[in-house]
N, C-alpha and C. Protein backbone atom coordinates (compact mmCIF):
# COMPACT_ATOMS: atom_id res chain seq x y z
N MET A 1 87.97 71.00 108.07
CA MET A 1 87.48 71.61 109.30
C MET A 1 87.82 73.09 109.28
N SER A 2 86.86 73.93 109.57
CA SER A 2 87.11 75.37 109.54
C SER A 2 87.57 75.84 110.91
N ARG A 3 88.38 76.85 110.88
CA ARG A 3 88.88 77.40 112.13
C ARG A 3 87.88 78.42 112.67
N PRO A 4 87.84 78.64 113.98
CA PRO A 4 86.92 79.63 114.53
C PRO A 4 87.36 81.04 114.14
N LEU A 5 86.39 81.92 113.97
CA LEU A 5 86.70 83.31 113.64
C LEU A 5 87.36 83.99 114.82
N SER A 6 88.40 84.74 114.53
CA SER A 6 89.12 85.46 115.58
C SER A 6 89.75 86.70 114.97
N ALA A 7 89.70 87.78 115.73
CA ALA A 7 90.34 89.01 115.28
C ALA A 7 91.83 89.02 115.64
N LEU A 8 92.26 88.01 116.38
CA LEU A 8 93.64 87.92 116.81
C LEU A 8 94.55 87.53 115.65
N PRO A 9 95.64 88.26 115.43
CA PRO A 9 96.59 87.86 114.38
C PRO A 9 97.28 86.55 114.74
N SER A 10 97.89 85.93 113.77
CA SER A 10 98.57 84.67 114.02
C SER A 10 99.75 84.90 114.98
N PRO A 11 100.15 83.85 115.69
CA PRO A 11 101.29 84.00 116.59
C PRO A 11 102.57 84.43 115.86
N LEU A 12 102.75 83.95 114.64
CA LEU A 12 103.93 84.34 113.87
C LEU A 12 103.91 85.84 113.58
N ALA A 13 102.75 86.37 113.19
CA ALA A 13 102.64 87.80 112.90
C ALA A 13 102.91 88.64 114.15
N ARG A 14 102.41 88.18 115.29
CA ARG A 14 102.66 88.91 116.54
C ARG A 14 104.13 88.86 116.93
N ALA A 15 104.77 87.72 116.71
CA ALA A 15 106.19 87.59 117.03
C ALA A 15 107.04 88.48 116.13
N VAL A 16 106.70 88.52 114.85
CA VAL A 16 107.44 89.39 113.92
C VAL A 16 107.26 90.86 114.30
N ALA A 17 106.05 91.24 114.69
CA ALA A 17 105.80 92.63 115.11
C ALA A 17 106.61 92.96 116.36
N PHE A 18 106.67 92.03 117.30
CA PHE A 18 107.43 92.26 118.53
C PHE A 18 108.92 92.44 118.22
N VAL A 19 109.45 91.57 117.37
CA VAL A 19 110.87 91.68 117.00
C VAL A 19 111.12 92.99 116.26
N ALA A 20 110.18 93.41 115.42
CA ALA A 20 110.35 94.68 114.69
C ALA A 20 110.41 95.86 115.65
N VAL A 21 109.59 95.83 116.70
CA VAL A 21 109.62 96.91 117.70
C VAL A 21 110.96 96.90 118.43
N LEU A 22 111.46 95.72 118.77
CA LEU A 22 112.77 95.64 119.44
C LEU A 22 113.90 96.16 118.55
N VAL A 23 113.89 95.75 117.29
CA VAL A 23 114.93 96.19 116.36
C VAL A 23 114.87 97.71 116.17
N ALA A 24 113.66 98.25 116.04
CA ALA A 24 113.51 99.69 115.88
C ALA A 24 114.01 100.43 117.12
N GLY A 25 113.72 99.88 118.30
CA GLY A 25 114.20 100.51 119.53
C GLY A 25 115.71 100.53 119.61
N VAL A 26 116.34 99.43 119.24
CA VAL A 26 117.81 99.37 119.26
C VAL A 26 118.39 100.36 118.24
N ALA A 27 117.82 100.37 117.04
CA ALA A 27 118.32 101.29 116.02
C ALA A 27 118.13 102.75 116.44
N GLY A 28 116.98 103.06 117.01
CA GLY A 28 116.74 104.43 117.48
C GLY A 28 117.67 104.82 118.61
N GLY A 29 117.94 103.89 119.50
CA GLY A 29 118.88 104.16 120.59
C GLY A 29 120.27 104.44 120.06
N LEU A 30 120.70 103.66 119.09
CA LEU A 30 122.03 103.89 118.50
C LEU A 30 122.09 105.24 117.79
N ILE A 31 121.02 105.58 117.09
CA ILE A 31 120.99 106.87 116.39
C ILE A 31 120.99 108.02 117.40
N GLY A 32 120.18 107.92 118.46
CA GLY A 32 120.15 108.96 119.48
C GLY A 32 121.50 109.12 120.17
N TYR A 33 122.14 108.00 120.47
CA TYR A 33 123.47 108.04 121.09
C TYR A 33 124.47 108.71 120.16
N ALA A 34 124.44 108.31 118.88
CA ALA A 34 125.41 108.85 117.92
C ALA A 34 125.20 110.35 117.71
N LEU A 35 123.96 110.79 117.63
CA LEU A 35 123.70 112.22 117.44
C LEU A 35 124.24 113.05 118.59
N VAL A 36 124.05 112.58 119.81
CA VAL A 36 124.56 113.33 120.96
C VAL A 36 126.07 113.22 121.02
N ASP A 37 126.63 112.05 120.72
CA ASP A 37 128.07 111.84 120.79
C ASP A 37 128.82 112.74 119.81
N ILE A 38 128.23 112.96 118.63
CA ILE A 38 128.86 113.83 117.63
C ILE A 38 128.93 115.27 118.12
N GLN A 39 127.92 115.71 118.83
CA GLN A 39 127.82 117.12 119.23
C GLN A 39 128.47 117.42 120.56
N CYS A 40 128.77 116.41 121.34
CA CYS A 40 129.25 116.62 122.70
C CYS A 40 130.76 116.43 122.77
N SER A 41 131.40 117.22 123.63
CA SER A 41 132.84 117.04 123.87
C SER A 41 133.07 117.01 125.38
N GLY A 42 134.06 116.27 125.80
CA GLY A 42 134.33 116.14 127.22
C GLY A 42 133.57 114.96 127.81
N ASN A 43 133.14 115.11 129.07
CA ASN A 43 132.41 114.05 129.75
C ASN A 43 130.96 114.06 129.29
N CYS A 44 130.56 113.09 128.51
CA CYS A 44 129.23 113.09 127.89
C CYS A 44 128.40 111.87 128.26
N ALA A 45 128.67 111.26 129.39
CA ALA A 45 127.96 110.03 129.74
C ALA A 45 126.46 110.27 129.91
N VAL A 46 126.10 111.31 130.65
CA VAL A 46 124.68 111.59 130.89
C VAL A 46 123.97 112.02 129.61
N PRO A 47 124.50 112.98 128.85
CA PRO A 47 123.83 113.34 127.60
C PRO A 47 123.72 112.17 126.62
N ASN A 48 124.75 111.34 126.54
CA ASN A 48 124.69 110.17 125.66
C ASN A 48 123.59 109.22 126.12
N GLY A 49 123.48 109.02 127.41
CA GLY A 49 122.42 108.16 127.95
C GLY A 49 121.04 108.71 127.67
N ILE A 50 120.89 110.03 127.79
CA ILE A 50 119.60 110.65 127.49
C ILE A 50 119.27 110.50 126.01
N GLY A 51 120.24 110.71 125.13
CA GLY A 51 120.02 110.52 123.70
C GLY A 51 119.66 109.09 123.38
N LEU A 52 120.35 108.15 124.02
CA LEU A 52 120.05 106.74 123.82
C LEU A 52 118.63 106.41 124.28
N PHE A 53 118.26 106.88 125.45
CA PHE A 53 116.93 106.59 126.01
C PHE A 53 115.82 107.17 125.14
N PHE A 54 115.93 108.45 124.81
CA PHE A 54 114.86 109.07 124.02
C PHE A 54 114.82 108.54 122.58
N GLY A 55 115.97 108.27 122.00
CA GLY A 55 115.98 107.69 120.66
C GLY A 55 115.31 106.33 120.64
N ALA A 56 115.65 105.48 121.61
CA ALA A 56 115.07 104.14 121.68
C ALA A 56 113.58 104.20 121.98
N THR A 57 113.18 105.06 122.91
CA THR A 57 111.77 105.15 123.31
C THR A 57 110.90 105.65 122.16
N LEU A 58 111.34 106.71 121.51
CA LEU A 58 110.52 107.29 120.45
C LEU A 58 110.39 106.37 119.24
N THR A 59 111.49 105.74 118.86
CA THR A 59 111.39 104.87 117.69
C THR A 59 110.64 103.58 118.00
N ALA A 60 110.80 103.04 119.20
CA ALA A 60 110.04 101.84 119.57
C ALA A 60 108.55 102.16 119.63
N PHE A 61 108.20 103.33 120.15
CA PHE A 61 106.79 103.73 120.20
C PHE A 61 106.23 103.89 118.78
N GLY A 62 106.98 104.57 117.93
CA GLY A 62 106.54 104.74 116.54
C GLY A 62 106.38 103.42 115.81
N MET A 63 107.33 102.51 116.01
CA MET A 63 107.22 101.21 115.37
C MET A 63 106.08 100.40 115.97
N GLY A 64 105.81 100.60 117.23
CA GLY A 64 104.66 99.93 117.86
C GLY A 64 103.36 100.36 117.22
N VAL A 65 103.23 101.64 116.93
CA VAL A 65 102.03 102.15 116.26
C VAL A 65 101.91 101.53 114.86
N VAL A 66 103.01 101.50 114.14
CA VAL A 66 103.01 100.90 112.80
C VAL A 66 102.66 99.41 112.88
N ALA A 67 103.23 98.70 113.86
CA ALA A 67 102.96 97.27 114.00
C ALA A 67 101.49 97.01 114.30
N VAL A 68 100.88 97.80 115.16
CA VAL A 68 99.46 97.63 115.47
C VAL A 68 98.61 97.86 114.22
N LEU A 69 98.93 98.89 113.47
CA LEU A 69 98.17 99.17 112.24
C LEU A 69 98.32 98.04 111.23
N VAL A 70 99.52 97.50 111.10
CA VAL A 70 99.74 96.39 110.16
C VAL A 70 98.99 95.15 110.62
N LEU A 71 99.03 94.84 111.92
CA LEU A 71 98.32 93.66 112.42
C LEU A 71 96.81 93.81 112.24
N ARG A 72 96.29 94.99 112.44
CA ARG A 72 94.86 95.22 112.21
C ARG A 72 94.51 95.05 110.74
N ALA A 73 95.36 95.58 109.87
CA ALA A 73 95.10 95.45 108.43
C ALA A 73 95.14 93.98 108.02
N LEU A 74 96.08 93.22 108.57
CA LEU A 74 96.13 91.79 108.27
C LEU A 74 94.87 91.07 108.72
N GLY A 75 94.38 91.44 109.91
CA GLY A 75 93.14 90.85 110.41
C GLY A 75 91.95 91.16 109.52
N GLU A 76 91.84 92.40 109.07
CA GLU A 76 90.74 92.78 108.18
C GLU A 76 90.88 92.10 106.83
N TRP A 77 92.08 91.97 106.34
CA TRP A 77 92.30 91.32 105.06
C TRP A 77 91.90 89.85 105.14
N ARG A 78 92.26 89.20 106.26
CA ARG A 78 91.90 87.80 106.44
C ARG A 78 90.38 87.65 106.56
N GLU A 79 89.73 88.60 107.22
CA GLU A 79 88.29 88.57 107.36
C GLU A 79 87.60 88.69 105.99
N ILE A 80 88.12 89.58 105.15
CA ILE A 80 87.56 89.75 103.80
C ILE A 80 87.77 88.49 102.97
N GLN A 81 88.96 87.88 103.08
CA GLN A 81 89.21 86.64 102.34
C GLN A 81 88.29 85.51 102.81
N ASP A 82 88.04 85.43 104.11
CA ASP A 82 87.16 84.39 104.63
C ASP A 82 85.72 84.62 104.17
N ALA A 83 85.32 85.88 104.04
CA ALA A 83 83.95 86.18 103.60
C ALA A 83 83.76 85.84 102.13
N ASP A 84 84.82 85.90 101.33
CA ASP A 84 84.73 85.60 99.91
C ASP A 84 84.59 84.11 99.63
N LYS A 85 84.93 83.28 100.58
CA LYS A 85 84.90 81.82 100.36
C LYS A 85 83.51 81.26 100.46
């Protein structure tokens, strides 16, 4: 039995992409926090929070772009493989 054609990636691929965005956000937040923490002396709660926020936001956004491109490429690759059969 053949499956219906769909441009939607598999649920596993979407879950992996979601986890990758979360991991990238956490890593970016840690890097942003560490960069500000190294440069700051004294009371640095607000600057550390800003570094954490912007680091997490920018890296999660960047990884989101990469994840969308990968999921689209997987969909096109699957479409080409289905056409070859």
